[in-house]
Amino acid sequence: MGDMQGITFEAVQLNDRSGYFVRATWPDGYEQQITGFTNDVEAREWIVNDSRGWLDWMPHRPQLGT
């Protein structure tokens, strides 16, 4: 779900079913987790309403090994 600048977002349930996170996948395959969502609806609303602001706020994604 969601695709901005080649980045995809998807809501994913935690293995213990205690909540959700949003997986952001960058074009090179690097994945980031945005945590703190209590349910699928909340995670999907973040994708629709807040993911663009998150991308604007992040001037550079974390690099592996730094």
N, C-alpha and C. Protein backbone atom coordinates (compact mmCIF):
# COMPACT_ATOMS: atom_id res chain seq x y z
N MET A 1 0.84 -1.18 0.00
CA MET A 1 0.00 0.00 0.00
C MET A 1 0.89 1.24 0.00
N GLY A 2 0.45 2.22 -0.70
CA GLY A 2 1.21 3.47 -0.73
C GLY A 2 2.49 3.32 -1.51
N ASP A 3 2.81 4.30 -2.31
CA ASP A 3 4.06 4.28 -3.05
C ASP A 3 4.44 5.72 -3.35
N MET A 4 5.45 6.22 -2.63
CA MET A 4 5.94 7.57 -2.84
C MET A 4 7.43 7.48 -3.07
N GLN A 5 7.87 8.01 -4.17
CA GLN A 5 9.30 7.99 -4.48
C GLN A 5 9.83 6.55 -4.51
N GLY A 6 8.99 5.60 -4.92
CA GLY A 6 9.42 4.20 -4.99
C GLY A 6 9.41 3.50 -3.65
N ILE A 7 8.93 4.16 -2.60
CA ILE A 7 8.86 3.57 -1.27
C ILE A 7 7.46 3.01 -1.07
N THR A 8 7.36 1.78 -0.59
CA THR A 8 6.05 1.21 -0.33
C THR A 8 5.83 1.09 1.17
N PHE A 9 4.58 1.18 1.57
CA PHE A 9 4.19 1.08 2.96
C PHE A 9 3.13 -0.01 3.09
N GLU A 10 3.23 -0.79 4.17
CA GLU A 10 2.19 -1.77 4.44
C GLU A 10 2.02 -1.94 5.94
N ALA A 11 0.77 -2.16 6.35
CA ALA A 11 0.45 -2.41 7.75
C ALA A 11 0.69 -3.90 8.02
N VAL A 12 1.41 -4.19 9.10
CA VAL A 12 1.77 -5.57 9.43
C VAL A 12 1.45 -5.83 10.90
N GLN A 13 0.77 -6.95 11.16
CA GLN A 13 0.46 -7.31 12.54
C GLN A 13 1.69 -7.92 13.21
N LEU A 14 1.92 -7.54 14.47
CA LEU A 14 3.03 -8.13 15.23
C LEU A 14 2.77 -9.62 15.44
N ASN A 15 3.83 -10.38 15.52
CA ASN A 15 3.70 -11.83 15.69
C ASN A 15 2.88 -12.21 16.91
N ASP A 16 2.99 -11.45 17.98
CA ASP A 16 2.23 -11.78 19.20
C ASP A 16 0.82 -11.18 19.18
N ARG A 17 0.45 -10.56 18.06
CA ARG A 17 -0.88 -9.97 17.84
C ARG A 17 -1.22 -8.84 18.82
N SER A 18 -0.20 -8.23 19.42
CA SER A 18 -0.43 -7.16 20.39
C SER A 18 -0.56 -5.79 19.75
N GLY A 19 -0.35 -5.69 18.46
CA GLY A 19 -0.43 -4.41 17.77
C GLY A 19 0.04 -4.54 16.34
N TYR A 20 0.33 -3.41 15.75
CA TYR A 20 0.75 -3.35 14.34
C TYR A 20 1.94 -2.42 14.19
N PHE A 21 2.64 -2.58 13.08
CA PHE A 21 3.65 -1.62 12.67
C PHE A 21 3.46 -1.37 11.19
N VAL A 22 4.05 -0.31 10.70
CA VAL A 22 4.06 -0.03 9.26
C VAL A 22 5.45 -0.35 8.75
N ARG A 23 5.51 -1.18 7.72
CA ARG A 23 6.78 -1.51 7.08
C ARG A 23 6.96 -0.57 5.89
N ALA A 24 8.04 0.19 5.91
CA ALA A 24 8.41 1.05 4.79
C ALA A 24 9.55 0.35 4.06
N THR A 25 9.34 0.06 2.78
CA THR A 25 10.36 -0.61 1.99
C THR A 25 10.88 0.34 0.92
N TRP A 26 12.18 0.60 0.99
CA TRP A 26 12.84 1.51 0.05
C TRP A 26 13.12 0.77 -1.25
N PRO A 27 13.33 1.51 -2.35
CA PRO A 27 13.54 0.87 -3.65
C PRO A 27 14.69 -0.14 -3.67
N ASP A 28 15.70 0.04 -2.82
CA ASP A 28 16.82 -0.90 -2.81
C ASP A 28 16.57 -2.11 -1.90
N GLY A 29 15.35 -2.21 -1.35
CA GLY A 29 15.00 -3.34 -0.51
C GLY A 29 15.16 -3.11 0.98
N TYR A 30 15.77 -2.02 1.38
CA TYR A 30 15.95 -1.71 2.80
C TYR A 30 14.57 -1.51 3.44
N GLU A 31 14.35 -2.11 4.60
CA GLU A 31 13.07 -2.00 5.28
C GLU A 31 13.21 -1.28 6.61
N GLN A 32 12.22 -0.46 6.92
CA GLN A 32 12.14 0.23 8.20
C GLN A 32 10.79 -0.07 8.81
N GLN A 33 10.75 -0.10 10.14
CA GLN A 33 9.50 -0.31 10.83
C GLN A 33 9.11 0.96 11.59
N ILE A 34 7.89 1.39 11.37
CA ILE A 34 7.32 2.50 12.12
C ILE A 34 6.36 1.84 13.11
N THR A 35 6.64 1.96 14.38
CA THR A 35 5.91 1.20 15.40
C THR A 35 4.90 2.05 16.15
N GLY A 36 4.10 1.36 16.97
CA GLY A 36 3.23 2.05 17.89
C GLY A 36 1.76 2.09 17.51
N PHE A 37 1.33 1.21 16.64
CA PHE A 37 -0.07 1.21 16.21
C PHE A 37 -0.82 0.09 16.92
N THR A 38 -2.03 0.39 17.38
CA THR A 38 -2.78 -0.60 18.13
C THR A 38 -3.58 -1.54 17.24
N ASN A 39 -3.90 -1.09 16.02
CA ASN A 39 -4.69 -1.95 15.13
C ASN A 39 -4.41 -1.61 13.67
N ASP A 40 -4.99 -2.43 12.80
CA ASP A 40 -4.78 -2.29 11.36
C ASP A 40 -5.28 -0.94 10.85
N VAL A 41 -6.43 -0.52 11.32
CA VAL A 41 -7.01 0.75 10.86
C VAL A 41 -6.08 1.91 11.19
N GLU A 42 -5.56 1.94 12.41
CA GLU A 42 -4.65 3.01 12.82
C GLU A 42 -3.40 3.03 11.95
N ALA A 43 -2.84 1.87 11.68
CA ALA A 43 -1.63 1.79 10.84
C ALA A 43 -1.93 2.27 9.41
N ARG A 44 -3.06 1.84 8.86
CA ARG A 44 -3.41 2.25 7.50
C ARG A 44 -3.73 3.75 7.42
N GLU A 45 -4.34 4.28 8.46
CA GLU A 45 -4.59 5.73 8.48
C GLU A 45 -3.28 6.51 8.51
N TRP A 46 -2.28 6.00 9.23
CA TRP A 46 -0.96 6.65 9.24
C TRP A 46 -0.39 6.66 7.83
N ILE A 47 -0.53 5.54 7.13
CA ILE A 47 0.00 5.47 5.76
C ILE A 47 -0.66 6.54 4.90
N VAL A 48 -1.97 6.64 4.96
CA VAL A 48 -2.71 7.59 4.13
C VAL A 48 -2.43 9.03 4.54
N ASN A 49 -2.44 9.30 5.85
CA ASN A 49 -2.40 10.68 6.34
C ASN A 49 -1.02 11.21 6.70
N ASP A 50 -0.10 10.34 7.10
CA ASP A 50 1.16 10.83 7.68
C ASP A 50 2.44 10.35 7.00
N SER A 51 2.34 9.37 6.11
CA SER A 51 3.58 8.83 5.53
C SER A 51 4.31 9.87 4.69
N ARG A 52 3.59 10.73 3.99
CA ARG A 52 4.27 11.77 3.18
C ARG A 52 5.04 12.72 4.09
N GLY A 53 4.47 13.14 5.18
CA GLY A 53 5.17 14.00 6.13
C GLY A 53 6.39 13.31 6.72
N TRP A 54 6.27 12.02 6.99
CA TRP A 54 7.40 11.23 7.50
C TRP A 54 8.54 11.24 6.48
N LEU A 55 8.21 11.07 5.20
CA LEU A 55 9.24 11.09 4.15
C LEU A 55 9.87 12.48 4.03
N ASP A 56 9.06 13.52 4.13
CA ASP A 56 9.59 14.88 4.06
C ASP A 56 10.50 15.17 5.25
N TRP A 57 10.14 14.64 6.41
CA TRP A 57 10.92 14.86 7.64
C TRP A 57 12.25 14.12 7.60
N MET A 58 12.30 12.98 6.93
CA MET A 58 13.52 12.17 6.86
C MET A 58 14.38 12.61 5.68
N PRO A 59 15.36 13.46 5.89
CA PRO A 59 16.18 13.88 4.75
C PRO A 59 17.00 12.72 4.18
N HIS A 60 17.40 11.80 5.02
CA HIS A 60 18.17 10.63 4.57
C HIS A 60 17.75 9.44 5.40
N ARG A 61 17.59 8.32 4.76
CA ARG A 61 17.26 7.11 5.53
C ARG A 61 18.50 6.59 6.22
N PRO A 62 18.32 5.87 7.31
CA PRO A 62 19.48 5.29 8.00
C PRO A 62 20.27 4.38 7.06
N GLN A 63 21.54 4.41 7.19
CA GLN A 63 22.39 3.55 6.36
C GLN A 63 22.84 2.36 7.19
N LEU A 64 22.92 1.22 6.57
CA LEU A 64 23.39 0.03 7.27
C LEU A 64 24.82 0.24 7.75
N GLY A 65 25.10 -0.19 8.97
CA GLY A 65 26.45 -0.12 9.49
C GLY A 65 26.83 1.24 10.06
N THR A 66 25.85 2.15 10.19
CA THR A 66 26.15 3.46 10.76
C THR A 66 25.42 3.66 12.05
